[in-house]
Amino acid sequence: MSSPKHDPKDTLAEFKEAVNMTPAALRKWLQSEESRSVGMTSEGEKVTGQDGGEAVGHRMGERILELKGKKQADLDDDDYAAMRKVIGYVHRHIKQRPSGDVSDTRWRKSLMNWGHDPVKD
């Protein structure tokens, strides 16, 4: 069974749109205690602090930095699959925006682990 064909140029453009944080801002965020205290582990457990294991989104944030550091010519199928995962997560999560000020919400912090700061929009 083959996966649907994705145009790498379209994927890259959507990825650049979804990831609205600069690599420097994302790196700084990922190093923060707040970044490590949100999200879910790959086992489906809610992360509530550094002892809770690494969140999937935090790990993906590191992967996003890796992707942003690569030249387009060096991107492979796994890279494009990771980009599509980021695009899908950001698009799904944005639709779940809570009402009111989102500046200090788990929702925003989780999105930021995926390279998207909804307050920048």
PDB file of N, CA and C in Angstrom:
ATOM      1  N   MET A   1       0.853  -1.186   0.000  1.00  0.00           N
ATOM      2  CA  MET A   1       0.000   0.000   0.000  1.00  0.00           C
ATOM      3  C   MET A   1       0.891   1.238   0.000  1.00  0.00           C
ATOM      4  N   SER A   2       0.761   2.065  -0.981  1.00  0.00           N
ATOM      5  CA  SER A   2       1.609   3.253  -1.038  1.00  0.00           C
ATOM      6  C   SER A   2       0.861   4.450  -0.450  1.00  0.00           C
ATOM      7  N   SER A   3       1.643   5.362   0.132  1.00  0.00           N
ATOM      8  CA  SER A   3       1.027   6.551   0.722  1.00  0.00           C
ATOM      9  C   SER A   3       0.727   7.550  -0.380  1.00  0.00           C
ATOM     10  N   PRO A   4      -0.208   8.468  -0.123  1.00  0.00           N
ATOM     11  CA  PRO A   4      -0.516   9.460  -1.155  1.00  0.00           C
ATOM     12  C   PRO A   4       0.720  10.287  -1.480  1.00  0.00           C
ATOM     13  N   LYS A   5       0.803  10.700  -2.718  1.00  0.00           N
ATOM     14  CA  LYS A   5       1.973  11.467  -3.155  1.00  0.00           C
ATOM     15  C   LYS A   5       1.816  12.911  -2.694  1.00  0.00           C
ATOM     16  N   HIS A   6       2.842  13.410  -2.037  1.00  0.00           N
ATOM     17  CA  HIS A   6       2.849  14.790  -1.583  1.00  0.00           C
ATOM     18  C   HIS A   6       3.902  15.554  -2.367  1.00  0.00           C
ATOM     19  N   ASP A   7       3.571  16.744  -2.767  1.00  0.00           N
ATOM     20  CA  ASP A   7       4.526  17.585  -3.464  1.00  0.00           C
ATOM     21  C   ASP A   7       5.468  18.180  -2.423  1.00  0.00           C
ATOM     22  N   PRO A   8       6.769  17.884  -2.517  1.00  0.00           N
ATOM     23  CA  PRO A   8       7.715  18.398  -1.528  1.00  0.00           C
ATOM     24  C   PRO A   8       7.688  19.923  -1.407  1.00  0.00           C
ATOM     25  N   LYS A   9       7.493  20.618  -2.518  1.00  0.00           N
ATOM     26  CA  LYS A   9       7.454  22.093  -2.460  1.00  0.00           C
ATOM     27  C   LYS A   9       6.257  22.578  -1.651  1.00  0.00           C
ATOM     28  N   ASP A  10       5.095  21.923  -1.862  1.00  0.00           N
ATOM     29  CA  ASP A  10       3.892  22.283  -1.105  1.00  0.00           C
ATOM     30  C   ASP A  10       4.083  21.992   0.382  1.00  0.00           C
ATOM     31  N   THR A  11       4.655  20.821   0.681  1.00  0.00           N
ATOM     32  CA  THR A  11       4.889  20.431   2.069  1.00  0.00           C
ATOM     33  C   THR A  11       5.821  21.439   2.739  1.00  0.00           C
ATOM     34  N   LEU A  12       6.897  21.803   2.061  1.00  0.00           N
ATOM     35  CA  LEU A  12       7.859  22.747   2.623  1.00  0.00           C
ATOM     36  C   LEU A  12       7.213  24.118   2.861  1.00  0.00           C
ATOM     37  N   ALA A  13       6.402  24.566   1.916  1.00  0.00           N
ATOM     38  CA  ALA A  13       5.731  25.865   2.061  1.00  0.00           C
ATOM     39  C   ALA A  13       4.755  25.835   3.245  1.00  0.00           C
ATOM     40  N   GLU A  14       3.983  24.758   3.372  1.00  0.00           N
ATOM     41  CA  GLU A  14       3.031  24.643   4.485  1.00  0.00           C
ATOM     42  C   GLU A  14       3.760  24.544   5.820  1.00  0.00           C
ATOM     43  N   PHE A  15       4.885  23.841   5.827  1.00  0.00           N
ATOM     44  CA  PHE A  15       5.693  23.694   7.038  1.00  0.00           C
ATOM     45  C   PHE A  15       6.209  25.062   7.485  1.00  0.00           C
ATOM     46  N   LYS A  16       6.707  25.834   6.526  1.00  0.00           N
ATOM     47  CA  LYS A  16       7.233  27.169   6.854  1.00  0.00           C
ATOM     48  C   LYS A  16       6.122  28.080   7.377  1.00  0.00           C
ATOM     49  N   GLU A  17       4.901  27.877   6.902  1.00  0.00           N
ATOM     50  CA  GLU A  17       3.762  28.662   7.364  1.00  0.00           C
ATOM     51  C   GLU A  17       3.338  28.218   8.774  1.00  0.00           C
ATOM     52  N   ALA A  18       3.321  26.911   9.006  1.00  0.00           N
ATOM     53  CA  ALA A  18       2.891  26.362  10.297  1.00  0.00           C
ATOM     54  C   ALA A  18       3.897  26.687  11.405  1.00  0.00           C
ATOM     55  N   VAL A  19       5.182  26.605  11.084  1.00  0.00           N
ATOM     56  CA  VAL A  19       6.233  26.866  12.063  1.00  0.00           C
ATOM     57  C   VAL A  19       6.578  28.354  11.984  1.00  0.00           C
ATOM     58  N   ASN A  20       5.955  29.138  12.868  1.00  0.00           N
ATOM     59  CA  ASN A  20       6.146  30.587  12.787  1.00  0.00           C
ATOM     60  C   ASN A  20       7.161  31.112  13.797  1.00  0.00           C
ATOM     61  N   MET A  21       7.829  30.213  14.510  1.00  0.00           N
ATOM     62  CA  MET A  21       8.881  30.630  15.443  1.00  0.00           C
ATOM     63  C   MET A  21      10.241  30.507  14.763  1.00  0.00           C
ATOM     64  N   THR A  22      11.128  31.445  15.033  1.00  0.00           N
ATOM     65  CA  THR A  22      12.480  31.349  14.476  1.00  0.00           C
ATOM     66  C   THR A  22      13.210  30.209  15.190  1.00  0.00           C
ATOM     67  N   PRO A  23      14.236  29.638  14.550  1.00  0.00           N
ATOM     68  CA  PRO A  23      14.991  28.595  15.243  1.00  0.00           C
ATOM     69  C   PRO A  23      15.529  29.068  16.605  1.00  0.00           C
ATOM     70  N   ALA A  24      15.992  30.307  16.680  1.00  0.00           N
ATOM     71  CA  ALA A  24      16.529  30.823  17.949  1.00  0.00           C
ATOM     72  C   ALA A  24      15.436  30.879  19.021  1.00  0.00           C
ATOM     73  N   ALA A  25      14.242  31.368  18.647  1.00  0.00           N
ATOM     74  CA  ALA A  25      13.131  31.449  19.599  1.00  0.00           C
ATOM     75  C   ALA A  25      12.674  30.054  20.024  1.00  0.00           C
ATOM     76  N   LEU A  26      12.614  29.124  19.077  1.00  0.00           N
ATOM     77  CA  LEU A  26      12.195  27.762  19.384  1.00  0.00           C
ATOM     78  C   LEU A  26      13.213  27.084  20.297  1.00  0.00           C
ATOM     79  N   ARG A  27      14.501  27.244  20.003  1.00  0.00           N
ATOM     80  CA  ARG A  27      15.556  26.643  20.819  1.00  0.00           C
ATOM     81  C   ARG A  27      15.466  27.160  22.257  1.00  0.00           C
ATOM     82  N   LYS A  28      15.313  28.469  22.398  1.00  0.00           N
ATOM     83  CA  LYS A  28      15.212  29.077  23.730  1.00  0.00           C
ATOM     84  C   LYS A  28      13.979  28.527  24.462  1.00  0.00           C
ATOM     85  N   TRP A  29      12.852  28.436  23.764  1.00  0.00           N
ATOM     86  CA  TRP A  29      11.629  27.913  24.353  1.00  0.00           C
ATOM     87  C   TRP A  29      11.815  26.467  24.811  1.00  0.00           C
ATOM     88  N   LEU A  30      12.406  25.619  23.953  1.00  0.00           N
ATOM     89  CA  LEU A  30      12.568  24.200  24.270  1.00  0.00           C
ATOM     90  C   LEU A  30      13.469  23.985  25.487  1.00  0.00           C
ATOM     91  N   GLN A  31      14.324  24.945  25.773  1.00  0.00           N
ATOM     92  CA  GLN A  31      15.225  24.835  26.927  1.00  0.00           C
ATOM     93  C   GLN A  31      14.544  25.266  28.227  1.00  0.00           C
ATOM     94  N   SER A  32      13.339  25.813  28.129  1.00  0.00           N
ATOM     95  CA  SER A  32      12.645  26.324  29.317  1.00  0.00           C
ATOM     96  C   SER A  32      11.925  25.208  30.076  1.00  0.00           C
ATOM     97  N   GLU A  33      11.745  25.438  31.358  1.00  0.00           N
ATOM     98  CA  GLU A  33      10.987  24.521  32.214  1.00  0.00           C
ATOM     99  C   GLU A  33       9.535  24.422  31.716  1.00  0.00           C
ATOM    100  N   GLU A  34       8.972  25.555  31.304  1.00  0.00           N
ATOM    101  CA  GLU A  34       7.579  25.566  30.813  1.00  0.00           C
ATOM    102  C   GLU A  34       7.399  24.627  29.628  1.00  0.00           C
ATOM    103  N   SER A  35       8.361  24.627  28.728  1.00  0.00           N
ATOM    104  CA  SER A  35       8.283  23.783  27.538  1.00  0.00           C
ATOM    105  C   SER A  35       8.246  22.310  27.919  1.00  0.00           C
ATOM    106  N   ARG A  36       8.986  21.957  28.954  1.00  0.00           N
ATOM    107  CA  ARG A  36       9.071  20.549  29.366  1.00  0.00           C
ATOM    108  C   ARG A  36       7.901  20.113  30.233  1.00  0.00           C
ATOM    109  N   SER A  37       7.010  21.049  30.574  1.00  0.00           N
ATOM    110  CA  SER A  37       5.929  20.714  31.512  1.00  0.00           C
ATOM    111  C   SER A  37       4.559  20.624  30.840  1.00  0.00           C
ATOM    112  N   VAL A  38       4.520  20.537  29.508  1.00  0.00           N
ATOM    113  CA  VAL A  38       3.243  20.407  28.801  1.00  0.00           C
ATOM    114  C   VAL A  38       3.315  19.303  27.761  1.00  0.00           C
ATOM    115  N   GLY A  39       2.141  18.862  27.343  1.00  0.00           N
ATOM    116  CA  GLY A  39       2.054  17.863  26.277  1.00  0.00           C
ATOM    117  C   GLY A  39       1.799  16.471  26.819  1.00  0.00           C
ATOM    118  N   MET A  40       1.928  15.503  25.934  1.00  0.00           N
ATOM    119  CA  MET A  40       1.689  14.104  26.261  1.00  0.00           C
ATOM    120  C   MET A  40       2.916  13.286  25.871  1.00  0.00           C
ATOM    121  N   THR A  41       3.201  12.239  26.654  1.00  0.00           N
ATOM    122  CA  THR A  41       4.286  11.336  26.295  1.00  0.00           C
ATOM    123  C   THR A  41       3.806  10.410  25.186  1.00  0.00           C
ATOM    124  N   SER A  42       4.719   9.677  24.586  1.00  0.00           N
ATOM    125  CA  SER A  42       4.333   8.742  23.521  1.00  0.00           C
ATOM    126  C   SER A  42       3.442   7.623  24.076  1.00  0.00           C
ATOM    127  N   GLU A  43       3.445   7.438  25.413  1.00  0.00           N
ATOM    128  CA  GLU A  43       2.574   6.439  26.034  1.00  0.00           C
ATOM    129  C   GLU A  43       1.191   7.011  26.350  1.00  0.00           C
ATOM    130  N   GLY A  44       0.983   8.305  26.037  1.00  0.00           N
ATOM    131  CA  GLY A  44      -0.318   8.916  26.258  1.00  0.00           C
ATOM    132  C   GLY A  44      -0.497   9.519  27.644  1.00  0.00           C
ATOM    133  N   GLU A  45       0.589   9.625  28.405  1.00  0.00           N
ATOM    134  CA  GLU A  45       0.531  10.230  29.739  1.00  0.00           C
ATOM    135  C   GLU A  45       0.687  11.741  29.623  1.00  0.00           C
ATOM    136  N   LYS A  46      -0.058  12.466  30.445  1.00  0.00           N
ATOM    137  CA  LYS A  46       0.038  13.924  30.465  1.00  0.00           C
ATOM    138  C   LYS A  46       1.350  14.321  31.153  1.00  0.00           C
ATOM    139  N   VAL A  47       2.107  15.204  30.525  1.00  0.00           N
ATOM    140  CA  VAL A  47       3.353  15.689  31.118  1.00  0.00           C
ATOM    141  C   VAL A  47       3.021  16.876  32.010  1.00  0.00           C
ATOM    142  N   THR A  48       3.475  16.812  33.260  1.00  0.00           N
ATOM    143  CA  THR A  48       3.191  17.910  34.185  1.00  0.00           C
ATOM    144  C   THR A  48       4.462  18.473  34.810  1.00  0.00           C
ATOM    145  N   GLY A  49       5.607  17.980  34.413  1.00  0.00           N
ATOM    146  CA  GLY A  49       6.876  18.480  34.936  1.00  0.00           C
ATOM    147  C   GLY A  49       8.016  17.703  34.326  1.00  0.00           C
ATOM    148  N   GLN A  50       9.232  18.044  34.688  1.00  0.00           N
ATOM    149  CA  GLN A  50      10.398  17.397  34.095  1.00  0.00           C
ATOM    150  C   GLN A  50      10.471  15.905  34.395  1.00  0.00           C
ATOM    151  N   ASP A  51       9.877  15.471  35.512  1.00  0.00           N
ATOM    152  CA  ASP A  51       9.952  14.059  35.871  1.00  0.00           C
ATOM    153  C   ASP A  51       8.951  13.198  35.101  1.00  0.00           C
ATOM    154  N   GLY A  52       8.064  13.853  34.361  1.00  0.00           N
ATOM    155  CA  GLY A  52       6.999  13.129  33.680  1.00  0.00           C
ATOM    156  C   GLY A  52       7.385  12.500  32.362  1.00  0.00           C
ATOM    157  N   GLY A  53       8.652  12.511  31.989  1.00  0.00           N
ATOM    158  CA  GLY A  53       9.060  12.001  30.690  1.00  0.00           C
ATOM    159  C   GLY A  53       8.979  13.108  29.650  1.00  0.00           C
ATOM    160  N   GLU A  54       9.534  12.844  28.479  1.00  0.00           N
ATOM    161  CA  GLU A  54       9.540  13.878  27.439  1.00  0.00           C
ATOM    162  C   GLU A  54       8.266  13.823  26.619  1.00  0.00           C
ATOM    163  N   ALA A  55       7.650  14.982  26.415  1.00  0.00           N
ATOM    164  CA  ALA A  55       6.448  15.064  25.598  1.00  0.00           C
ATOM    165  C   ALA A  55       6.799  14.849  24.133  1.00  0.00           C
ATOM    166  N   VAL A  56       5.852  14.282  23.410  1.00  0.00           N
ATOM    167  CA  VAL A  56       6.008  14.073  21.969  1.00  0.00           C
ATOM    168  C   VAL A  56       6.319  15.411  21.279  1.00  0.00           C
ATOM    169  N   GLY A  57       5.591  16.463  21.677  1.00  0.00           N
ATOM    170  CA  GLY A  57       5.796  17.775  21.068  1.00  0.00           C
ATOM    171  C   GLY A  57       7.173  18.344  21.340  1.00  0.00           C
ATOM    172  N   HIS A  58       7.692  18.098  22.548  1.00  0.00           N
ATOM    173  CA  HIS A  58       9.033  18.599  22.877  1.00  0.00           C
ATOM    174  C   HIS A  58      10.065  17.924  21.983  1.00  0.00           C
ATOM    175  N   ARG A  59       9.918  16.615  21.816  1.00  0.00           N
ATOM    176  CA  ARG A  59      10.825  15.870  20.940  1.00  0.00           C
ATOM    177  C   ARG A  59      10.690  16.383  19.507  1.00  0.00           C
ATOM    178  N   MET A  60       9.445  16.665  19.083  1.00  0.00           N
ATOM    179  CA  MET A  60       9.228  17.162  17.727  1.00  0.00           C
ATOM    180  C   MET A  60       9.838  18.545  17.555  1.00  0.00           C
ATOM    181  N   GLY A  61       9.818  19.362  18.605  1.00  0.00           N
ATOM    182  CA  GLY A  61      10.459  20.675  18.535  1.00  0.00           C
ATOM    183  C   GLY A  61      11.935  20.545  18.193  1.00  0.00           C
ATOM    184  N   GLU A  62      12.589  19.555  18.799  1.00  0.00           N
ATOM    185  CA  GLU A  62      14.009  19.298  18.494  1.00  0.00           C
ATOM    186  C   GLU A  62      14.159  18.868  17.030  1.00  0.00           C
ATOM    187  N   ARG A  63      13.218  18.063  16.568  1.00  0.00           N
ATOM    188  CA  ARG A  63      13.241  17.584  15.170  1.00  0.00           C
ATOM    189  C   ARG A  63      13.033  18.767  14.213  1.00  0.00           C
ATOM    190  N   ILE A  64      12.148  19.704  14.589  1.00  0.00           N
ATOM    191  CA  ILE A  64      11.902  20.887  13.762  1.00  0.00           C
ATOM    192  C   ILE A  64      13.185  21.695  13.609  1.00  0.00           C
ATOM    193  N   LEU A  65      13.941  21.841  14.699  1.00  0.00           N
ATOM    194  CA  LEU A  65      15.216  22.569  14.618  1.00  0.00           C
ATOM    195  C   LEU A  65      16.168  21.872  13.647  1.00  0.00           C
ATOM    196  N   GLU A  66      16.169  20.551  13.700  1.00  0.00           N
ATOM    197  CA  GLU A  66      16.998  19.761  12.789  1.00  0.00           C
ATOM    198  C   GLU A  66      16.555  20.013  11.335  1.00  0.00           C
ATOM    199  N   LEU A  67      15.240  19.972  11.094  1.00  0.00           N
ATOM    200  CA  LEU A  67      14.704  20.192   9.746  1.00  0.00           C
ATOM    201  C   LEU A  67      15.047  21.592   9.240  1.00  0.00           C
ATOM    202  N   LYS A  68      14.884  22.583  10.106  1.00  0.00           N
ATOM    203  CA  LYS A  68      15.168  23.971   9.717  1.00  0.00           C
ATOM    204  C   LYS A  68      16.644  24.172   9.397  1.00  0.00           C
ATOM    205  N   GLY A  69      17.497  23.335   9.969  1.00  0.00           N
ATOM    206  CA  GLY A  69      18.941  23.451   9.743  1.00  0.00           C
ATOM    207  C   GLY A  69      19.419  22.770   8.472  1.00  0.00           C
ATOM    208  N   LYS A  70      18.543  22.030   7.817  1.00  0.00           N
ATOM    209  CA  LYS A  70      18.930  21.300   6.602  1.00  0.00           C
ATOM    210  C   LYS A  70      18.683  22.129   5.351  1.00  0.00           C
ATOM    211  N   LYS A  71      19.505  21.891   4.360  1.00  0.00           N
ATOM    212  CA  LYS A  71      19.269  22.480   3.038  1.00  0.00           C
ATOM    213  C   LYS A  71      18.141  21.684   2.381  1.00  0.00           C
ATOM    214  N   GLN A  72      17.338  22.369   1.573  1.00  0.00           N
ATOM    215  CA  GLN A  72      16.210  21.702   0.922  1.00  0.00           C
ATOM    216  C   GLN A  72      16.657  20.462   0.145  1.00  0.00           C
ATOM    217  N   ALA A  73      17.796  20.540  -0.499  1.00  0.00           N
ATOM    218  CA  ALA A  73      18.302  19.420  -1.303  1.00  0.00           C
ATOM    219  C   ALA A  73      18.640  18.198  -0.443  1.00  0.00           C
ATOM    220  N   ASP A  74      18.868  18.421   0.857  1.00  0.00           N
ATOM    221  CA  ASP A  74      19.240  17.324   1.756  1.00  0.00           C
ATOM    222  C   ASP A  74      18.051  16.687   2.468  1.00  0.00           C
ATOM    223  N   LEU A  75      16.856  17.218   2.254  1.00  0.00           N
ATOM    224  CA  LEU A  75      15.667  16.674   2.914  1.00  0.00           C
ATOM    225  C   LEU A  75      15.264  15.346   2.279  1.00  0.00           C
ATOM    226  N   ASP A  76      14.943  14.359   3.127  1.00  0.00           N
ATOM    227  CA  ASP A  76      14.532  13.047   2.600  1.00  0.00           C
ATOM    228  C   ASP A  76      13.060  12.767   2.943  1.00  0.00           C
ATOM    229  N   ASP A  77      12.585  11.580   2.589  1.00  0.00           N
ATOM    230  CA  ASP A  77      11.176  11.222   2.802  1.00  0.00           C
ATOM    231  C   ASP A  77      10.779  11.301   4.276  1.00  0.00           C
ATOM    232  N   ASP A  78      11.668  10.875   5.169  1.00  0.00           N
ATOM    233  CA  ASP A  78      11.374  10.950   6.608  1.00  0.00           C
ATOM    234  C   ASP A  78      11.211  12.401   7.056  1.00  0.00           C
ATOM    235  N   ASP A  79      12.021  13.282   6.499  1.00  0.00           N
ATOM    236  CA  ASP A  79      11.929  14.706   6.832  1.00  0.00           C
ATOM    237  C   ASP A  79      10.577  15.276   6.392  1.00  0.00           C
ATOM    238  N   TYR A  80      10.177  14.942   5.172  1.00  0.00           N
ATOM    239  CA  TYR A  80       8.892  15.437   4.671  1.00  0.00           C
ATOM    240  C   TYR A  80       7.726  14.844   5.458  1.00  0.00           C
ATOM    241  N   ALA A  81       7.859  13.579   5.879  1.00  0.00           N
ATOM    242  CA  ALA A  81       6.815  12.954   6.707  1.00  0.00           C
ATOM    243  C   ALA A  81       6.721  13.684   8.049  1.00  0.00           C
ATOM    244  N   ALA A  82       7.855  14.046   8.628  1.00  0.00           N
ATOM    245  CA  ALA A  82       7.866  14.790   9.895  1.00  0.00           C
ATOM    246  C   ALA A  82       7.224  16.164   9.702  1.00  0.00           C
ATOM    247  N   MET A  83       7.511  16.804   8.579  1.00  0.00           N
ATOM    248  CA  MET A  83       6.917  18.117   8.290  1.00  0.00           C
ATOM    249  C   MET A  83       5.397  17.992   8.197  1.00  0.00           C
ATOM    250  N   ARG A  84       4.911  16.941   7.518  1.00  0.00           N
ATOM    251  CA  ARG A  84       3.465  16.760   7.389  1.00  0.00           C
ATOM    252  C   ARG A  84       2.820  16.508   8.754  1.00  0.00           C
ATOM    253  N   LYS A  85       3.542  15.815   9.641  1.00  0.00           N
ATOM    254  CA  LYS A  85       3.045  15.573  10.990  1.00  0.00           C
ATOM    255  C   LYS A  85       2.906  16.910  11.738  1.00  0.00           C
ATOM    256  N   VAL A  86       3.899  17.776  11.601  1.00  0.00           N
ATOM    257  CA  VAL A  86       3.864  19.094  12.247  1.00  0.00           C
ATOM    258  C   VAL A  86       2.694  19.915  11.701  1.00  0.00           C
ATOM    259  N   ILE A  87       2.558  19.936  10.376  1.00  0.00           N
ATOM    260  CA  ILE A  87       1.478  20.695   9.726  1.00  0.00           C
ATOM    261  C   ILE A  87       0.126  20.213  10.253  1.00  0.00           C
ATOM    262  N   GLY A  88      -0.070  18.910  10.285  1.00  0.00           N
ATOM    263  CA  GLY A  88      -1.332  18.334  10.746  1.00  0.00           C
ATOM    264  C   GLY A  88      -1.621  18.682  12.195  1.00  0.00           C
ATOM    265  N   TYR A  89      -0.606  18.565  13.043  1.00  0.00           N
ATOM    266  CA  TYR A  89      -0.795  18.872  14.462  1.00  0.00           C
ATOM    267  C   TYR A  89      -1.165  20.337  14.655  1.00  0.00           C
ATOM    268  N   VAL A  90      -0.406  21.220  14.033  1.00  0.00           N
ATOM    269  CA  VAL A  90      -0.658  22.660  14.190  1.00  0.00           C
ATOM    270  C   VAL A  90      -2.074  23.004  13.708  1.00  0.00           C
ATOM    271  N   HIS A  91      -2.458  22.503  12.541  1.00  0.00           N
ATOM    272  CA  HIS A  91      -3.789  22.802  12.001  1.00  0.00           C
ATOM    273  C   HIS A  91      -4.901  22.269  12.909  1.00  0.00           C
ATOM    274  N   ARG A  92      -4.755  21.038  13.423  1.00  0.00           N
ATOM    275  CA  ARG A  92      -5.766  20.459  14.324  1.00  0.00           C
ATOM    276  C   ARG A  92      -5.843  21.238  15.629  1.00  0.00           C
ATOM    277  N   HIS A  93      -4.688  21.551  16.188  1.00  0.00           N
ATOM    278  CA  HIS A  93      -4.618  22.201  17.495  1.00  0.00           C
ATOM    279  C   HIS A  93      -5.170  23.626  17.455  1.00  0.00           C
ATOM    280  N   ILE A  94      -4.921  24.337  16.367  1.00  0.00           N
ATOM    281  CA  ILE A  94      -5.412  25.713  16.233  1.00  0.00           C
ATOM    282  C   ILE A  94      -6.945  25.746  16.318  1.00  0.00           C
ATOM    283  N   LYS A  95      -7.592  24.719  15.772  1.00  0.00           N
ATOM    284  CA  LYS A  95      -9.060  24.656  15.797  1.00  0.00           C
ATOM    285  C   LYS A  95      -9.604  24.473  17.211  1.00  0.00           C
ATOM    286  N   GLN A  96      -8.756  24.074  18.149  1.00  0.00           N
ATOM    287  CA  GLN A  96      -9.180  23.833  19.532  1.00  0.00           C
ATOM    288  C   GLN A  96      -8.869  25.033  20.433  1.00  0.00           C
ATOM    289  N   ARG A  97      -8.616  26.181  19.835  1.00  0.00           N
ATOM    290  CA  ARG A  97      -8.235  27.366  20.615  1.00  0.00           C
ATOM    291  C   ARG A  97      -9.254  27.664  21.718  1.00  0.00           C
ATOM    292  N   PRO A  98      -8.767  27.779  22.969  1.00  0.00           N
ATOM    293  CA  PRO A  98      -9.693  28.143  24.051  1.00  0.00           C
ATOM    294  C   PRO A  98     -10.082  29.613  23.946  1.00  0.00           C
ATOM    295  N   SER A  99     -11.180  29.974  24.579  1.00  0.00           N
ATOM    296  CA  SER A  99     -11.597  31.377  24.528  1.00  0.00           C
ATOM    297  C   SER A  99     -10.763  32.192  25.512  1.00  0.00           C
ATOM    298  N   GLY A 100     -10.766  33.486  25.297  1.00  0.00           N
ATOM    299  CA  GLY A 100     -10.052  34.386  26.200  1.00  0.00           C
ATOM    300  C   GLY A 100      -8.575  34.508  25.870  1.00  0.00           C
ATOM    301  N   ASP A 101      -7.831  35.014  26.836  1.00  0.00           N
ATOM    302  CA  ASP A 101      -6.391  35.236  26.672  1.00  0.00           C
ATOM    303  C   ASP A 101      -5.667  33.898  26.738  1.00  0.00           C
ATOM    304  N   VAL A 102      -4.949  33.544  25.680  1.00  0.00           N
ATOM    305  CA  VAL A 102      -4.275  32.248  25.622  1.00  0.00           C
ATOM    306  C   VAL A 102      -2.784  32.335  25.976  1.00  0.00           C
ATOM    307  N   SER A 103      -2.311  33.523  26.354  1.00  0.00           N
ATOM    308  CA  SER A 103      -0.880  33.748  26.597  1.00  0.00           C
ATOM    309  C   SER A 103      -0.240  32.718  27.518  1.00  0.00           C
ATOM    310  N   ASP A 104      -0.935  32.339  28.597  1.00  0.00           N
ATOM    311  CA  ASP A 104      -0.335  31.459  29.592  1.00  0.00           C
ATOM    312  C   ASP A 104      -1.072  30.128  29.700  1.00  0.00           C
ATOM    313  N   THR A 105      -1.526  29.591  28.561  1.00  0.00           N
ATOM    314  CA  THR A 105      -2.279  28.331  28.582  1.00  0.00           C
ATOM    315  C   THR A 105      -1.412  27.153  28.152  1.00  0.00           C
ATOM    316  N   ARG A 106      -1.776  25.965  28.636  1.00  0.00           N
ATOM    317  CA  ARG A 106      -1.104  24.732  28.190  1.00  0.00           C
ATOM    318  C   ARG A 106      -1.272  24.580  26.684  1.00  0.00           C
ATOM    319  N   TRP A 107      -2.426  25.021  26.175  1.00  0.00           N
ATOM    320  CA  TRP A 107      -2.710  24.935  24.742  1.00  0.00           C
ATOM    321  C   TRP A 107      -1.623  25.669  23.942  1.00  0.00           C
ATOM    322  N   ARG A 108      -1.337  26.908  24.319  1.00  0.00           N
ATOM    323  CA  ARG A 108      -0.318  27.691  23.607  1.00  0.00           C
ATOM    324  C   ARG A 108       1.068  27.059  23.774  1.00  0.00           C
ATOM    325  N   LYS A 109       1.384  26.672  24.998  1.00  0.00           N
ATOM    326  CA  LYS A 109       2.720  26.119  25.269  1.00  0.00           C
ATOM    327  C   LYS A 109       2.954  24.830  24.489  1.00  0.00           C
ATOM    328  N   SER A 110       1.902  24.023  24.382  1.00  0.00           N
ATOM    329  CA  SER A 110       2.013  22.784  23.612  1.00  0.00           C
ATOM    330  C   SER A 110       2.253  23.098  22.133  1.00  0.00           C
ATOM    331  N   LEU A 111       1.523  24.052  21.588  1.00  0.00           N
ATOM    332  CA  LEU A 111       1.736  24.462  20.191  1.00  0.00           C
ATOM    333  C   LEU A 111       3.145  24.995  19.982  1.00  0.00           C
ATOM    334  N   MET A 112       3.637  25.749  20.968  1.00  0.00           N
ATOM    335  CA  MET A 112       4.988  26.306  20.841  1.00  0.00           C
ATOM    336  C   MET A 112       6.040  25.198  20.780  1.00  0.00           C
ATOM    337  N   ASN A 113       5.805  24.063  21.453  1.00  0.00           N
ATOM    338  CA  ASN A 113       6.735  22.936  21.344  1.00  0.00           C
ATOM    339  C   ASN A 113       6.809  22.434  19.905  1.00  0.00           C
ATOM    340  N   TRP A 114       5.729  22.656  19.157  1.00  0.00           N
ATOM    341  CA  TRP A 114       5.660  22.244  17.755  1.00  0.00           C
ATOM    342  C   TRP A 114       6.060  23.394  16.826  1.00  0.00           C
ATOM    343  N   GLY A 115       6.650  24.451  17.387  1.00  0.00           N
ATOM    344  CA  GLY A 115       7.187  25.533  16.567  1.00  0.00           C
ATOM    345  C   GLY A 115       6.188  26.609  16.164  1.00  0.00           C
ATOM    346  N   HIS A 116       4.980  26.562  16.740  1.00  0.00           N
ATOM    347  CA  HIS A 116       3.971  27.543  16.367  1.00  0.00           C
ATOM    348  C   HIS A 116       3.522  28.332  17.596  1.00  0.00           C
ATOM    349  N   ASP A 117       3.697  29.645  17.543  1.00  0.00           N
ATOM    350  CA  ASP A 117       3.219  30.501  18.630  1.00  0.00           C
ATOM    351  C   ASP A 117       1.952  31.201  18.149  1.00  0.00           C
ATOM    352  N   PRO A 118       0.778  30.772  18.670  1.00  0.00           N
ATOM    353  CA  PRO A 118      -0.486  31.344  18.190  1.00  0.00           C
ATOM    354  C   PRO A 118      -0.648  32.826  18.529  1.00  0.00           C
ATOM    355  N   VAL A 119       0.113  33.333  19.458  1.00  0.00           N
ATOM    356  CA  VAL A 119       0.021  34.742  19.826  1.00  0.00           C
ATOM    357  C   VAL A 119       0.704  35.625  18.765  1.00  0.00           C
ATOM    358  N   LYS A 120       1.567  35.012  17.945  1.00  0.00           N
ATOM    359  CA  LYS A 120       2.252  35.739  16.869  1.00  0.00           C
ATOM    360  C   LYS A 120       1.352  35.992  15.663  1.00  0.00           C
ATOM    361  N   ASP A 121       0.281  35.219  15.544  1.00  0.00           N
ATOM    362  CA  ASP A 121      -0.596  35.323  14.356  1.00  0.00           C
ATOM    363  C   ASP A 121      -1.263  36.671  14.254  1.00  0.00           C
TER     364      ASP A 121
END
